[in-house]
PDB file of N, CA and C in Angstrom:
ATOM      1  N   MET A   1       0.869  -1.164  -0.034  1.00  0.00           N
ATOM      2  CA  MET A   1       0.002  -0.056  -0.044  1.00  0.00           C
ATOM      3  C   MET A   1       0.887   1.253  -0.042  1.00  0.00           C
ATOM      4  N   GLU A   2       0.619   2.173  -0.918  1.00  0.00           N
ATOM      5  CA  GLU A   2       1.402   3.405  -1.070  1.00  0.00           C
ATOM      6  C   GLU A   2       0.947   4.426  -0.002  1.00  0.00           C
ATOM      7  N   GLN A   3       1.933   5.069   0.580  1.00  0.00           N
ATOM      8  CA  GLN A   3       1.524   6.106   1.548  1.00  0.00           C
ATOM      9  C   GLN A   3       1.214   7.425   0.927  1.00  0.00           C
ATOM     10  N   GLU A   4       0.383   8.186   1.608  1.00  0.00           N
ATOM     11  CA  GLU A   4      -0.044   9.427   1.025  1.00  0.00           C
ATOM     12  C   GLU A   4       1.070  10.463   1.062  1.00  0.00           C
ATOM     13  N   PRO A   5       1.177  11.315   0.037  1.00  0.00           N
ATOM     14  CA  PRO A   5       2.329  12.248  -0.001  1.00  0.00           C
ATOM     15  C   PRO A   5       2.169  13.350   1.058  1.00  0.00           C
ATOM     16  N   LEU A   6       3.245  14.034   1.318  1.00  0.00           N
ATOM     17  CA  LEU A   6       3.215  15.135   2.319  1.00  0.00           C
ATOM     18  C   LEU A   6       2.301  16.212   1.758  1.00  0.00           C
ATOM     19  N   HIS A   7       1.631  16.882   2.671  1.00  0.00           N
ATOM     20  CA  HIS A   7       0.817  18.065   2.412  1.00  0.00           C
ATOM     21  C   HIS A   7       1.684  19.178   1.938  1.00  0.00           C
ATOM     22  N   ARG A   8       1.137  20.139   1.310  1.00  0.00           N
ATOM     23  CA  ARG A   8       1.892  21.275   0.825  1.00  0.00           C
ATOM     24  C   ARG A   8       2.674  22.041   1.918  1.00  0.00           C
ATOM     25  N   ARG A   9       1.949  22.203   2.999  1.00  0.00           N
ATOM     26  CA  ARG A   9       2.641  22.972   4.184  1.00  0.00           C
ATOM     27  C   ARG A   9       3.855  22.163   4.673  1.00  0.00           C
ATOM     28  N   GLU A  10       3.741  20.835   4.717  1.00  0.00           N
ATOM     29  CA  GLU A  10       4.835  20.000   5.232  1.00  0.00           C
ATOM     30  C   GLU A  10       5.939  20.131   4.218  1.00  0.00           C
ATOM     31  N   GLN A  11       5.700  20.123   2.973  1.00  0.00           N
ATOM     32  CA  GLN A  11       6.787  20.286   1.924  1.00  0.00           C
ATOM     33  C   GLN A  11       7.406  21.668   2.079  1.00  0.00           C
ATOM     34  N   ASP A  12       6.542  22.712   2.326  1.00  0.00           N
ATOM     35  CA  ASP A  12       7.099  24.038   2.506  1.00  0.00           C
ATOM     36  C   ASP A  12       8.040  24.097   3.727  1.00  0.00           C
ATOM     37  N   ILE A  13       7.680  23.459   4.778  1.00  0.00           N
ATOM     38  CA  ILE A  13       8.500  23.514   5.951  1.00  0.00           C
ATOM     39  C   ILE A  13       9.835  22.827   5.648  1.00  0.00           C
ATOM     40  N   LEU A  14       9.835  21.718   4.998  1.00  0.00           N
ATOM     41  CA  LEU A  14      11.178  21.112   4.620  1.00  0.00           C
ATOM     42  C   LEU A  14      11.976  22.014   3.684  1.00  0.00           C
ATOM     43  N   ALA A  15      11.298  22.612   2.814  1.00  0.00           N
ATOM     44  CA  ALA A  15      11.976  23.452   1.836  1.00  0.00           C
ATOM     45  C   ALA A  15      12.582  24.639   2.558  1.00  0.00           C
ATOM     46  N   LEU A  16      11.952  25.219   3.523  1.00  0.00           N
ATOM     47  CA  LEU A  16      12.461  26.323   4.268  1.00  0.00           C
ATOM     48  C   LEU A  16      13.749  25.851   5.047  1.00  0.00           C
ATOM     49  N   GLU A  17      13.658  24.664   5.559  1.00  0.00           N
ATOM     50  CA  GLU A  17      14.851  24.104   6.319  1.00  0.00           C
ATOM     51  C   GLU A  17      16.023  23.854   5.414  1.00  0.00           C
ATOM     52  N   ARG A  18      15.805  23.659   4.127  1.00  0.00           N
ATOM     53  CA  ARG A  18      16.988  23.475   3.223  1.00  0.00           C
ATOM     54  C   ARG A  18      17.752  24.758   2.950  1.00  0.00           C
ATOM     55  N   ARG A  19      17.070  25.896   3.156  1.00  0.00           N
ATOM     56  CA  ARG A  19      17.769  27.218   2.873  1.00  0.00           C
ATOM     57  C   ARG A  19      18.696  27.689   3.967  1.00  0.00           C
ATOM     58  N   GLY A  20      19.584  28.529   3.514  1.00  0.00           N
ATOM     59  CA  GLY A  20      20.441  29.187   4.448  1.00  0.00           C
ATOM     60  C   GLY A  20      19.874  30.531   4.762  1.00  0.00           C
ATOM     61  N   PHE A  21      20.090  31.031   5.961  1.00  0.00           N
ATOM     62  CA  PHE A  21      19.587  32.344   6.359  1.00  0.00           C
ATOM     63  C   PHE A  21      20.778  33.200   6.846  1.00  0.00           C
ATOM     64  N   PRO A  22      20.784  34.482   6.398  1.00  0.00           N
ATOM     65  CA  PRO A  22      21.930  35.334   6.570  1.00  0.00           C
ATOM     66  C   PRO A  22      22.272  35.767   8.046  1.00  0.00           C
ATOM     67  N   GLY A  23      21.266  35.807   8.844  1.00  0.00           N
ATOM     68  CA  GLY A  23      21.591  36.214  10.269  1.00  0.00           C
ATOM     69  C   GLY A  23      20.359  36.015  11.193  1.00  0.00           C
ATOM     70  N   PRO A  24      20.544  36.339  12.412  1.00  0.00           N
ATOM     71  CA  PRO A  24      19.477  36.089  13.385  1.00  0.00           C
ATOM     72  C   PRO A  24      18.198  36.758  13.050  1.00  0.00           C
ATOM     73  N   GLY A  25      17.101  36.081  13.195  1.00  0.00           N
ATOM     74  CA  GLY A  25      15.801  36.668  12.914  1.00  0.00           C
ATOM     75  C   GLY A  25      15.290  36.527  11.463  1.00  0.00           C
ATOM     76  N   ALA A  26      16.225  36.223  10.578  1.00  0.00           N
ATOM     77  CA  ALA A  26      15.861  36.084   9.152  1.00  0.00           C
ATOM     78  C   ALA A  26      14.925  34.874   8.957  1.00  0.00           C
ATOM     79  N   LYS A  27      15.280  33.795   9.635  1.00  0.00           N
ATOM     80  CA  LYS A  27      14.513  32.512   9.508  1.00  0.00           C
ATOM     81  C   LYS A  27      13.108  32.720  10.156  1.00  0.00           C
ATOM     82  N   GLU A  28      13.088  33.296  11.292  1.00  0.00           N
ATOM     83  CA  GLU A  28      11.760  33.525  12.029  1.00  0.00           C
ATOM     84  C   GLU A  28      10.880  34.415  11.129  1.00  0.00           C
ATOM     85  N   ARG A  29      11.515  35.449  10.530  1.00  0.00           N
ATOM     86  CA  ARG A  29      10.710  36.328   9.654  1.00  0.00           C
ATOM     87  C   ARG A  29      10.213  35.579   8.458  1.00  0.00           C
ATOM     88  N   ALA A  30      11.010  34.657   7.878  1.00  0.00           N
ATOM     89  CA  ALA A  30      10.526  33.909   6.736  1.00  0.00           C
ATOM     90  C   ALA A  30       9.475  32.962   7.128  1.00  0.00           C
ATOM     91  N   ILE A  31       9.511  32.393   8.304  1.00  0.00           N
ATOM     92  CA  ILE A  31       8.492  31.540   8.897  1.00  0.00           C
ATOM     93  C   ILE A  31       7.168  32.218   8.947  1.00  0.00           C
ATOM     94  N   ARG A  32       7.204  33.419   9.455  1.00  0.00           N
ATOM     95  CA  ARG A  32       5.980  34.222   9.610  1.00  0.00           C
ATOM     96  C   ARG A  32       5.440  34.665   8.260  1.00  0.00           C
ATOM     97  N   GLU A  33       6.310  35.251   7.455  1.00  0.00           N
ATOM     98  CA  GLU A  33       5.902  35.855   6.155  1.00  0.00           C
ATOM     99  C   GLU A  33       5.438  34.810   5.101  1.00  0.00           C
ATOM    100  N   GLU A  34       6.255  33.775   4.970  1.00  0.00           N
ATOM    101  CA  GLU A  34       6.038  32.776   3.920  1.00  0.00           C
ATOM    102  C   GLU A  34       5.027  31.652   4.276  1.00  0.00           C
ATOM    103  N   LEU A  35       5.087  31.290   5.556  1.00  0.00           N
ATOM    104  CA  LEU A  35       4.277  30.154   5.968  1.00  0.00           C
ATOM    105  C   LEU A  35       3.070  30.560   6.794  1.00  0.00           C
ATOM    106  N   GLY A  36       3.104  31.787   7.263  1.00  0.00           N
ATOM    107  CA  GLY A  36       1.997  32.285   8.143  1.00  0.00           C
ATOM    108  C   GLY A  36       1.939  31.607   9.462  1.00  0.00           C
ATOM    109  N   LEU A  37       3.079  31.175   9.927  1.00  0.00           N
ATOM    110  CA  LEU A  37       3.100  30.474  11.214  1.00  0.00           C
ATOM    111  C   LEU A  37       3.839  31.224  12.236  1.00  0.00           C
ATOM    112  N   ALA A  38       3.485  31.039  13.556  1.00  0.00           N
ATOM    113  CA  ALA A  38       4.356  31.525  14.650  1.00  0.00           C
ATOM    114  C   ALA A  38       5.529  30.546  14.690  1.00  0.00           C
ATOM    115  N   PRO A  39       6.701  31.079  14.968  1.00  0.00           N
ATOM    116  CA  PRO A  39       7.949  30.183  15.007  1.00  0.00           C
ATOM    117  C   PRO A  39       7.727  29.022  15.959  1.00  0.00           C
ATOM    118  N   VAL A  40       7.089  29.175  17.137  1.00  0.00           N
ATOM    119  CA  VAL A  40       6.897  28.005  17.996  1.00  0.00           C
ATOM    120  C   VAL A  40       6.084  26.946  17.337  1.00  0.00           C
ATOM    121  N   ARG A  41       5.022  27.338  16.645  1.00  0.00           N
ATOM    122  CA  ARG A  41       4.223  26.269  15.960  1.00  0.00           C
ATOM    123  C   ARG A  41       5.002  25.655  14.857  1.00  0.00           C
ATOM    124  N   TYR A  42       5.759  26.428  14.132  1.00  0.00           N
ATOM    125  CA  TYR A  42       6.613  25.922  13.038  1.00  0.00           C
ATOM    126  C   TYR A  42       7.524  24.793  13.537  1.00  0.00           C
ATOM    127  N   TYR A  43       8.168  25.060  14.696  1.00  0.00           N
ATOM    128  CA  TYR A  43       9.108  24.077  15.257  1.00  0.00           C
ATOM    129  C   TYR A  43       8.462  22.858  15.787  1.00  0.00           C
ATOM    130  N   GLN A  44       7.195  23.002  16.288  1.00  0.00           N
ATOM    131  CA  GLN A  44       6.400  21.907  16.643  1.00  0.00           C
ATOM    132  C   GLN A  44       6.116  21.003  15.478  1.00  0.00           C
ATOM    133  N   LEU A  45       5.655  21.637  14.339  1.00  0.00           N
ATOM    134  CA  LEU A  45       5.363  20.875  13.140  1.00  0.00           C
ATOM    135  C   LEU A  45       6.637  20.179  12.579  1.00  0.00           C
ATOM    136  N   LEU A  46       7.698  20.942  12.570  1.00  0.00           N
ATOM    137  CA  LEU A  46       8.957  20.391  12.036  1.00  0.00           C
ATOM    138  C   LEU A  46       9.387  19.131  12.866  1.00  0.00           C
ATOM    139  N   ASN A  47       9.313  19.254  14.226  1.00  0.00           N
ATOM    140  CA  ASN A  47       9.743  18.170  15.024  1.00  0.00           C
ATOM    141  C   ASN A  47       8.885  16.905  14.777  1.00  0.00           C
ATOM    142  N   ALA A  48       7.646  17.089  14.553  1.00  0.00           N
ATOM    143  CA  ALA A  48       6.700  16.026  14.226  1.00  0.00           C
ATOM    144  C   ALA A  48       7.089  15.410  12.823  1.00  0.00           C
ATOM    145  N   LEU A  49       7.463  16.295  11.876  1.00  0.00           N
ATOM    146  CA  LEU A  49       7.810  15.873  10.527  1.00  0.00           C
ATOM    147  C   LEU A  49       9.101  14.951  10.606  1.00  0.00           C
ATOM    148  N   LEU A  50      10.034  15.199  11.523  1.00  0.00           N
ATOM    149  CA  LEU A  50      11.254  14.482  11.577  1.00  0.00           C
ATOM    150  C   LEU A  50      11.013  13.005  11.895  1.00  0.00           C
ATOM    151  N   ASP A  51       9.826  12.688  12.501  1.00  0.00           N
ATOM    152  CA  ASP A  51       9.524  11.375  12.873  1.00  0.00           C
ATOM    153  C   ASP A  51       8.532  10.683  11.826  1.00  0.00           C
ATOM    154  N   ASP A  52       8.294  11.451  10.743  1.00  0.00           N
ATOM    155  CA  ASP A  52       7.320  10.944   9.727  1.00  0.00           C
ATOM    156  C   ASP A  52       8.066  10.344   8.581  1.00  0.00           C
ATOM    157  N   VAL A  53       7.730   9.028   8.325  1.00  0.00           N
ATOM    158  CA  VAL A  53       8.383   8.282   7.217  1.00  0.00           C
ATOM    159  C   VAL A  53       8.197   8.933   5.957  1.00  0.00           C
ATOM    160  N   ARG A  54       7.106   9.637   5.696  1.00  0.00           N
ATOM    161  CA  ARG A  54       6.821  10.315   4.464  1.00  0.00           C
ATOM    162  C   ARG A  54       7.766  11.506   4.189  1.00  0.00           C
ATOM    163  N   ALA A  55       8.160  12.163   5.302  1.00  0.00           N
ATOM    164  CA  ALA A  55       9.059  13.297   5.180  1.00  0.00           C
ATOM    165  C   ALA A  55      10.423  12.690   4.821  1.00  0.00           C
ATOM    166  N   LEU A  56      10.840  11.561   5.424  1.00  0.00           N
ATOM    167  CA  LEU A  56      12.102  10.942   5.153  1.00  0.00           C
ATOM    168  C   LEU A  56      12.137  10.557   3.719  1.00  0.00           C
ATOM    169  N   ALA A  57      11.088   9.993   3.203  1.00  0.00           N
ATOM    170  CA  ALA A  57      11.059   9.644   1.759  1.00  0.00           C
ATOM    171  C   ALA A  57      11.121  10.880   0.801  1.00  0.00           C
ATOM    172  N   HIS A  58      10.471  11.944   1.226  1.00  0.00           N
ATOM    173  CA  HIS A  58      10.445  13.119   0.485  1.00  0.00           C
ATOM    174  C   HIS A  58      11.745  13.843   0.358  1.00  0.00           C
ATOM    175  N   ASP A  59      12.420  13.962   1.484  1.00  0.00           N
ATOM    176  CA  ASP A  59      13.711  14.724   1.557  1.00  0.00           C
ATOM    177  C   ASP A  59      14.650  14.083   2.619  1.00  0.00           C
ATOM    178  N   PRO A  60      15.300  12.952   2.284  1.00  0.00           N
ATOM    179  CA  PRO A  60      16.103  12.205   3.232  1.00  0.00           C
ATOM    180  C   PRO A  60      17.330  12.974   3.746  1.00  0.00           C
ATOM    181  N   VAL A  61      17.908  13.772   2.889  1.00  0.00           N
ATOM    182  CA  VAL A  61      19.099  14.558   3.331  1.00  0.00           C
ATOM    183  C   VAL A  61      18.742  15.541   4.359  1.00  0.00           C
ATOM    184  N   THR A  62      17.707  16.338   4.173  1.00  0.00           N
ATOM    185  CA  THR A  62      17.302  17.359   5.150  1.00  0.00           C
ATOM    186  C   THR A  62      16.815  16.705   6.406  1.00  0.00           C
ATOM    187  N   VAL A  63      15.965  15.658   6.327  1.00  0.00           N
ATOM    188  CA  VAL A  63      15.390  15.029   7.502  1.00  0.00           C
ATOM    189  C   VAL A  63      16.483  14.400   8.339  1.00  0.00           C
ATOM    190  N   ASN A  64      17.452  13.642   7.671  1.00  0.00           N
ATOM    191  CA  ASN A  64      18.521  12.976   8.431  1.00  0.00           C
ATOM    192  C   ASN A  64      19.449  14.048   9.033  1.00  0.00           C
ATOM    193  N   ARG A  65      19.705  15.138   8.437  1.00  0.00           N
ATOM    194  CA  ARG A  65      20.565  16.169   9.043  1.00  0.00           C
ATOM    195  C   ARG A  65      19.901  16.677  10.247  1.00  0.00           C
ATOM    196  N   LEU A  66      18.597  17.037  10.171  1.00  0.00           N
ATOM    197  CA  LEU A  66      17.864  17.623  11.268  1.00  0.00           C
ATOM    198  C   LEU A  66      17.683  16.593  12.401  1.00  0.00           C
ATOM    199  N   ARG A  67      17.595  15.365  12.075  1.00  0.00           N
ATOM    200  CA  ARG A  67      17.494  14.270  13.121  1.00  0.00           C
ATOM    201  C   ARG A  67      18.795  14.259  13.906  1.00  0.00           C
ATOM    202  N   ARG A  68      19.905  14.323  13.207  1.00  0.00           N
ATOM    203  CA  ARG A  68      21.232  14.373  13.874  1.00  0.00           C
ATOM    204  C   ARG A  68      21.380  15.545  14.764  1.00  0.00           C
ATOM    205  N   VAL A  69      20.955  16.725  14.338  1.00  0.00           N
ATOM    206  CA  VAL A  69      21.031  17.903  15.159  1.00  0.00           C
ATOM    207  C   VAL A  69      20.203  17.757  16.399  1.00  0.00           C
ATOM    208  N   ARG A  70      18.956  17.163  16.209  1.00  0.00           N
ATOM    209  CA  ARG A  70      18.082  16.984  17.328  1.00  0.00           C
ATOM    210  C   ARG A  70      18.716  16.041  18.338  1.00  0.00           C
ATOM    211  N   GLU A  71      19.349  15.015  17.904  1.00  0.00           N
ATOM    212  CA  GLU A  71      19.937  13.998  18.808  1.00  0.00           C
ATOM    213  C   GLU A  71      21.074  14.616  19.603  1.00  0.00           C
ATOM    214  N   VAL A  72      21.826  15.427  18.920  1.00  0.00           N
ATOM    215  CA  VAL A  72      22.955  16.152  19.628  1.00  0.00           C
ATOM    216  C   VAL A  72      22.471  17.039  20.817  1.00  0.00           C
ATOM    217  N   ARG A  73      21.356  17.832  20.380  1.00  0.00           N
ATOM    218  CA  ARG A  73      20.817  18.698  21.369  1.00  0.00           C
ATOM    219  C   ARG A  73      20.210  17.965  22.518  1.00  0.00           C
ATOM    220  N   ARG A  74      19.596  16.763  22.275  1.00  0.00           N
ATOM    221  CA  ARG A  74      19.013  15.984  23.348  1.00  0.00           C
ATOM    222  C   ARG A  74      20.054  15.395  24.260  1.00  0.00           C
ATOM    223  N   SER A  75      21.197  14.942  23.654  1.00  0.00           N
ATOM    224  CA  SER A  75      22.295  14.392  24.436  1.00  0.00           C
ATOM    225  C   SER A  75      22.983  15.478  25.276  1.00  0.00           C
ATOM    226  N   GLU A  76      22.864  16.716  24.926  1.00  0.00           N
ATOM    227  CA  GLU A  76      23.513  17.773  25.674  1.00  0.00           C
ATOM    228  C   GLU A  76      22.720  18.246  26.885  1.00  0.00           C
ATOM    229  N   ARG A  77      21.454  17.768  26.950  1.00  0.00           N
ATOM    230  CA  ARG A  77      20.583  18.162  28.081  1.00  0.00           C
ATOM    231  C   ARG A  77      20.803  17.332  29.267  1.00  0.00           C
TER     232      ARG A  77
END
């Protein structure tokens, strides 16, 4: 059985994570302006996406990179 593809917003979140941002605040501004989300909500959705097999299938490089970052942060706590 084939899994359903990511929704547009989920794809947009991963696309935003692939980009580089020039300085502090630029990413948060892009989150608000381009996705219409509060940064806190954005990061909640992103964190859920990292555990979604559909996201891994859609963009394995970005998802695996973010999973590694998340694991490092968890181990530092």
